[in-house]
Amino acid sequence: MSAFSRPHLSLVSDHSPAAGRDGSPWTDLSPVGDASWRLDALCAETDPEAFFPEKGGSTRDAKRVCNGCAVRAECLQFALANDERFGIWGGLSERERRRLRLEQRGSRISA
């Protein structure tokens, strides 16, 4: 996946959800819809390590940032649509997103 960087977006952290997998700022359109929400993501102004804690590490700091973020829902939708398996996205951990996906599948089947 390519990302087009723009000089005025240099504050985007290397590994935050607002940054591309190659470390460049996400300013392109994602494979699933419009990714312009990333320009308003609070994680771009935060230590990226908080969003990718070591196994068993605390997710509290990342989730606190997500709770105050105006684009939290868009971030979560992106992570779900792109099957993001690592990190905190939209305020949810990998395990929480997996549980949500299973719940969503279950509700679609029973509907």
N, C-alpha and C. Protein backbone atom coordinates (compact mmCIF):
# COMPACT_ATOMS: atom_id res chain seq x y z
N MET A 1 0.86 -1.17 0.00
CA MET A 1 0.00 0.00 0.00
C MET A 1 0.91 1.23 0.00
N SER A 2 0.66 2.18 -0.84
CA SER A 2 1.48 3.37 -0.86
C SER A 2 0.80 4.49 -0.10
N ALA A 3 1.61 5.40 0.41
CA ALA A 3 1.08 6.58 1.09
C ALA A 3 1.82 7.78 0.54
N PHE A 4 1.12 8.84 0.26
CA PHE A 4 1.72 10.04 -0.27
C PHE A 4 1.91 11.01 0.85
N SER A 5 3.15 11.38 1.11
CA SER A 5 3.41 12.29 2.22
C SER A 5 3.35 13.73 1.74
N ARG A 6 2.96 14.57 2.65
CA ARG A 6 2.93 16.01 2.40
C ARG A 6 3.76 16.66 3.49
N PRO A 7 4.57 17.65 3.16
CA PRO A 7 5.45 18.26 4.16
C PRO A 7 4.74 18.76 5.41
N HIS A 8 3.54 19.31 5.29
CA HIS A 8 2.87 19.87 6.46
C HIS A 8 2.29 18.80 7.38
N LEU A 9 2.46 17.53 7.05
CA LEU A 9 1.93 16.45 7.88
C LEU A 9 3.05 15.70 8.59
N SER A 10 4.18 16.32 8.77
CA SER A 10 5.33 15.63 9.33
C SER A 10 5.17 15.24 10.79
N LEU A 11 4.13 15.71 11.48
CA LEU A 11 3.92 15.34 12.87
C LEU A 11 3.33 13.95 13.03
N VAL A 12 2.94 13.31 11.95
CA VAL A 12 2.35 11.98 12.05
C VAL A 12 3.42 11.00 12.51
N SER A 13 3.14 10.26 13.56
CA SER A 13 4.09 9.32 14.13
C SER A 13 4.32 8.14 13.19
N ASP A 14 5.47 7.52 13.31
CA ASP A 14 5.84 6.42 12.43
C ASP A 14 4.92 5.22 12.50
N HIS A 15 4.38 4.90 13.66
CA HIS A 15 3.60 3.68 13.78
C HIS A 15 2.21 3.90 14.37
N SER A 16 1.77 5.12 14.47
CA SER A 16 0.43 5.36 15.00
C SER A 16 -0.60 5.01 13.94
N PRO A 17 -1.86 4.79 14.33
CA PRO A 17 -2.89 4.50 13.34
C PRO A 17 -3.01 5.57 12.27
N ALA A 18 -2.50 6.76 12.52
CA ALA A 18 -2.56 7.81 11.51
C ALA A 18 -1.37 7.75 10.56
N ALA A 19 -0.49 6.77 10.73
CA ALA A 19 0.67 6.62 9.85
C ALA A 19 0.54 5.34 9.04
N GLY A 20 1.14 5.34 7.87
CA GLY A 20 1.09 4.16 7.03
C GLY A 20 2.01 3.07 7.55
N ARG A 21 1.83 1.87 7.04
CA ARG A 21 2.66 0.75 7.47
C ARG A 21 4.13 0.98 7.16
N ASP A 22 4.42 1.78 6.15
CA ASP A 22 5.81 2.07 5.83
C ASP A 22 6.34 3.27 6.61
N GLY A 23 5.53 3.79 7.56
CA GLY A 23 5.97 4.89 8.41
C GLY A 23 5.64 6.26 7.86
N SER A 24 5.17 6.34 6.63
CA SER A 24 4.84 7.64 6.06
C SER A 24 3.42 8.04 6.45
N PRO A 25 3.14 9.33 6.47
CA PRO A 25 1.79 9.77 6.85
C PRO A 25 0.74 9.23 5.89
N TRP A 26 -0.40 8.86 6.44
CA TRP A 26 -1.53 8.42 5.62
C TRP A 26 -2.22 9.66 5.09
N THR A 27 -2.07 9.89 3.82
CA THR A 27 -2.79 11.00 3.21
C THR A 27 -3.46 10.54 1.93
N ASP A 28 -3.34 9.26 1.64
CA ASP A 28 -3.96 8.72 0.44
C ASP A 28 -5.34 8.18 0.77
N LEU A 29 -6.01 7.68 -0.23
CA LEU A 29 -7.28 7.01 0.00
C LEU A 29 -6.97 5.56 0.32
N SER A 30 -7.53 5.08 1.38
CA SER A 30 -7.29 3.70 1.77
C SER A 30 -7.99 2.75 0.82
N PRO A 31 -7.67 1.46 0.87
CA PRO A 31 -8.36 0.51 0.02
C PRO A 31 -9.86 0.46 0.28
N VAL A 32 -10.27 0.86 1.47
CA VAL A 32 -11.68 0.82 1.82
C VAL A 32 -12.12 2.23 2.19
N GLY A 33 -12.56 3.01 1.22
CA GLY A 33 -13.12 4.33 1.49
C GLY A 33 -12.11 5.44 1.68
N ASP A 34 -12.60 6.55 2.15
CA ASP A 34 -11.84 7.77 2.32
C ASP A 34 -11.06 7.74 3.63
N ALA A 35 -9.77 7.97 3.57
CA ALA A 35 -8.92 7.96 4.76
C ALA A 35 -8.58 9.37 5.23
N SER A 36 -9.29 10.38 4.76
CA SER A 36 -8.97 11.75 5.15
C SER A 36 -9.17 12.00 6.64
N TRP A 37 -9.91 11.14 7.32
CA TRP A 37 -10.11 11.26 8.76
C TRP A 37 -8.77 11.26 9.50
N ARG A 38 -7.76 10.64 8.92
CA ARG A 38 -6.45 10.53 9.58
C ARG A 38 -5.81 11.89 9.82
N LEU A 39 -6.19 12.87 9.04
CA LEU A 39 -5.63 14.20 9.22
C LEU A 39 -6.04 14.80 10.56
N ASP A 40 -7.15 14.34 11.13
CA ASP A 40 -7.65 14.85 12.40
C ASP A 40 -7.40 13.90 13.57
N ALA A 41 -6.66 12.83 13.34
CA ALA A 41 -6.43 11.82 14.37
C ALA A 41 -5.47 12.33 15.45
N LEU A 42 -5.88 12.22 16.70
CA LEU A 42 -5.04 12.65 17.81
C LEU A 42 -3.78 11.79 17.96
N CYS A 43 -3.84 10.55 17.50
CA CYS A 43 -2.68 9.68 17.63
C CYS A 43 -1.48 10.21 16.84
N ALA A 44 -1.74 11.05 15.87
CA ALA A 44 -0.66 11.64 15.08
C ALA A 44 0.21 12.57 15.93
N GLU A 45 -0.32 12.99 17.06
CA GLU A 45 0.40 13.90 17.95
C GLU A 45 0.89 13.20 19.21
N THR A 46 0.87 11.88 19.21
CA THR A 46 1.14 11.09 20.39
C THR A 46 2.24 10.07 20.12
N ASP A 47 2.89 9.62 21.16
CA ASP A 47 3.93 8.60 21.05
C ASP A 47 3.34 7.34 20.43
N PRO A 48 3.86 6.89 19.30
CA PRO A 48 3.30 5.72 18.63
C PRO A 48 3.44 4.43 19.43
N GLU A 49 4.41 4.37 20.31
CA GLU A 49 4.61 3.16 21.12
C GLU A 49 3.38 2.86 21.97
N ALA A 50 2.63 3.87 22.36
CA ALA A 50 1.43 3.66 23.18
C ALA A 50 0.38 2.85 22.43
N PHE A 51 0.35 2.93 21.10
CA PHE A 51 -0.67 2.26 20.30
C PHE A 51 -0.28 0.84 19.91
N PHE A 52 0.97 0.48 20.17
CA PHE A 52 1.45 -0.86 19.87
C PHE A 52 2.25 -1.38 21.06
N PRO A 53 1.57 -1.60 22.20
CA PRO A 53 2.28 -2.04 23.40
C PRO A 53 2.80 -3.47 23.25
N GLU A 54 3.83 -3.77 24.02
CA GLU A 54 4.35 -5.14 24.07
C GLU A 54 3.24 -6.07 24.55
N LYS A 55 3.34 -7.34 24.23
CA LYS A 55 2.35 -8.31 24.67
C LYS A 55 2.22 -8.23 26.20
N GLY A 56 0.99 -8.06 26.66
CA GLY A 56 0.73 -7.93 28.08
C GLY A 56 0.91 -6.51 28.61
N GLY A 57 1.36 -5.58 27.74
CA GLY A 57 1.55 -4.19 28.14
C GLY A 57 0.23 -3.44 28.25
N SER A 58 0.28 -2.30 28.87
CA SER A 58 -0.91 -1.50 29.09
C SER A 58 -1.37 -0.79 27.82
N THR A 59 -2.67 -0.77 27.63
CA THR A 59 -3.29 -0.05 26.51
C THR A 59 -3.95 1.23 27.00
N ARG A 60 -3.82 1.50 28.29
CA ARG A 60 -4.52 2.62 28.92
C ARG A 60 -4.22 3.96 28.27
N ASP A 61 -2.94 4.27 28.04
CA ASP A 61 -2.58 5.57 27.46
C ASP A 61 -3.17 5.76 26.07
N ALA A 62 -3.07 4.74 25.24
CA ALA A 62 -3.62 4.83 23.88
C ALA A 62 -5.13 5.01 23.92
N LYS A 63 -5.79 4.24 24.76
CA LYS A 63 -7.25 4.33 24.84
C LYS A 63 -7.69 5.69 25.37
N ARG A 64 -6.90 6.28 26.23
CA ARG A 64 -7.22 7.62 26.74
C ARG A 64 -7.16 8.63 25.59
N VAL A 65 -6.17 8.52 24.72
CA VAL A 65 -6.08 9.40 23.55
C VAL A 65 -7.28 9.16 22.64
N CYS A 66 -7.60 7.91 22.39
CA CYS A 66 -8.73 7.58 21.51
C CYS A 66 -10.05 8.13 22.05
N ASN A 67 -10.22 8.08 23.36
CA ASN A 67 -11.47 8.56 23.96
C ASN A 67 -11.72 10.04 23.66
N GLY A 68 -10.67 10.82 23.49
CA GLY A 68 -10.82 12.23 23.20
C GLY A 68 -10.74 12.58 21.72
N CYS A 69 -10.64 11.58 20.87
CA CYS A 69 -10.42 11.81 19.44
C CYS A 69 -11.73 11.96 18.68
N ALA A 70 -11.81 12.97 17.84
CA ALA A 70 -13.02 13.25 17.07
C ALA A 70 -13.25 12.24 15.95
N VAL A 71 -12.23 11.50 15.56
CA VAL A 71 -12.38 10.56 14.45
C VAL A 71 -12.25 9.10 14.92
N ARG A 72 -12.58 8.86 16.16
CA ARG A 72 -12.48 7.52 16.73
C ARG A 72 -13.31 6.50 15.95
N ALA A 73 -14.54 6.84 15.63
CA ALA A 73 -15.43 5.91 14.91
C ALA A 73 -14.87 5.58 13.53
N GLU A 74 -14.35 6.57 12.83
CA GLU A 74 -13.78 6.35 11.50
C GLU A 74 -12.56 5.45 11.59
N CYS A 75 -11.75 5.66 12.61
CA CYS A 75 -10.55 4.85 12.84
C CYS A 75 -10.93 3.39 13.08
N LEU A 76 -11.92 3.18 13.93
CA LEU A 76 -12.37 1.82 14.23
C LEU A 76 -12.93 1.16 12.98
N GLN A 77 -13.74 1.88 12.22
CA GLN A 77 -14.30 1.33 10.99
C GLN A 77 -13.20 0.93 10.01
N PHE A 78 -12.17 1.78 9.91
CA PHE A 78 -11.05 1.47 9.03
C PHE A 78 -10.36 0.19 9.47
N ALA A 79 -10.10 0.06 10.77
CA ALA A 79 -9.41 -1.12 11.30
C ALA A 79 -10.23 -2.38 11.06
N LEU A 80 -11.53 -2.30 11.25
CA LEU A 80 -12.39 -3.45 11.02
C LEU A 80 -12.46 -3.82 9.54
N ALA A 81 -12.59 -2.83 8.70
CA ALA A 81 -12.70 -3.06 7.26
C ALA A 81 -11.41 -3.62 6.67
N ASN A 82 -10.27 -3.24 7.25
CA ASN A 82 -8.97 -3.67 6.74
C ASN A 82 -8.35 -4.79 7.56
N ASP A 83 -9.12 -5.33 8.48
CA ASP A 83 -8.67 -6.45 9.32
C ASP A 83 -7.32 -6.17 9.98
N GLU A 84 -7.21 -4.98 10.58
CA GLU A 84 -5.99 -4.63 11.30
C GLU A 84 -5.86 -5.56 12.49
N ARG A 85 -4.74 -6.24 12.59
CA ARG A 85 -4.55 -7.24 13.64
C ARG A 85 -3.65 -6.78 14.76
N PHE A 86 -3.06 -5.63 14.63
CA PHE A 86 -2.13 -5.16 15.65
C PHE A 86 -2.47 -3.74 16.07
N GLY A 87 -2.22 -3.43 17.31
CA GLY A 87 -2.35 -2.06 17.80
C GLY A 87 -3.74 -1.69 18.27
N ILE A 88 -3.81 -0.48 18.80
CA ILE A 88 -5.06 0.10 19.27
C ILE A 88 -5.60 0.96 18.14
N TRP A 89 -6.82 0.69 17.72
CA TRP A 89 -7.48 1.44 16.66
C TRP A 89 -8.88 1.79 17.14
N GLY A 90 -9.26 3.04 17.06
CA GLY A 90 -10.60 3.44 17.47
C GLY A 90 -10.90 3.12 18.92
N GLY A 91 -9.86 3.05 19.73
CA GLY A 91 -10.03 2.79 21.15
C GLY A 91 -10.16 1.32 21.53
N LEU A 92 -10.00 0.42 20.56
CA LEU A 92 -10.12 -1.00 20.85
C LEU A 92 -8.82 -1.75 20.56
N SER A 93 -8.53 -2.73 21.39
CA SER A 93 -7.35 -3.57 21.19
C SER A 93 -7.66 -4.63 20.14
N GLU A 94 -6.63 -5.41 19.79
CA GLU A 94 -6.83 -6.49 18.82
C GLU A 94 -7.91 -7.45 19.29
N ARG A 95 -7.84 -7.83 20.55
CA ARG A 95 -8.81 -8.78 21.11
C ARG A 95 -10.22 -8.20 21.10
N GLU A 96 -10.35 -6.93 21.45
CA GLU A 96 -11.67 -6.28 21.47
C GLU A 96 -12.26 -6.16 20.06
N ARG A 97 -11.40 -5.87 19.07
CA ARG A 97 -11.89 -5.79 17.68
C ARG A 97 -12.30 -7.17 17.18
N ARG A 98 -11.55 -8.19 17.54
CA ARG A 98 -11.90 -9.55 17.13
C ARG A 98 -13.26 -9.95 17.72
N ARG A 99 -13.47 -9.63 19.00
CA ARG A 99 -14.75 -9.93 19.65
C ARG A 99 -15.88 -9.17 18.97
N LEU A 100 -15.66 -7.90 18.63
CA LEU A 100 -16.68 -7.10 17.95
C LEU A 100 -17.02 -7.68 16.59
N ARG A 101 -16.00 -8.11 15.82
CA ARG A 101 -16.25 -8.73 14.52
C ARG A 101 -17.11 -9.98 14.66
N LEU A 102 -16.79 -10.80 15.67
CA LEU A 102 -17.57 -12.02 15.89
C LEU A 102 -19.01 -11.69 16.26
N GLU A 103 -19.19 -10.67 17.10
CA GLU A 103 -20.55 -10.25 17.47
C GLU A 103 -21.32 -9.74 16.26
N GLN A 104 -20.64 -8.98 15.40
CA GLN A 104 -21.29 -8.45 14.20
C GLN A 104 -21.69 -9.57 13.26
N ARG A 105 -20.82 -10.55 13.10
CA ARG A 105 -21.14 -11.71 12.25
C ARG A 105 -22.34 -12.47 12.81
N GLY A 106 -22.35 -12.66 14.12
CA GLY A 106 -23.45 -13.36 14.77
C GLY A 106 -24.77 -12.64 14.59
N SER A 107 -24.76 -11.32 14.68
CA SER A 107 -26.00 -10.56 14.53
C SER A 107 -26.47 -10.56 13.08
N ARG A 108 -25.56 -10.62 12.12
CA ARG A 108 -25.96 -10.70 10.70
C ARG A 108 -26.56 -12.06 10.38
N ILE A 109 -26.01 -13.08 10.98
CA ILE A 109 -26.52 -14.44 10.73
C ILE A 109 -27.91 -14.61 11.32
N SER A 110 -28.12 -14.06 12.53
CA SER A 110 -29.42 -14.22 13.18
C SER A 110 -30.50 -13.28 12.66
N ALA A 111 -30.09 -12.28 11.89
CA ALA A 111 -31.06 -11.30 11.37
C ALA A 111 -31.81 -11.80 10.18
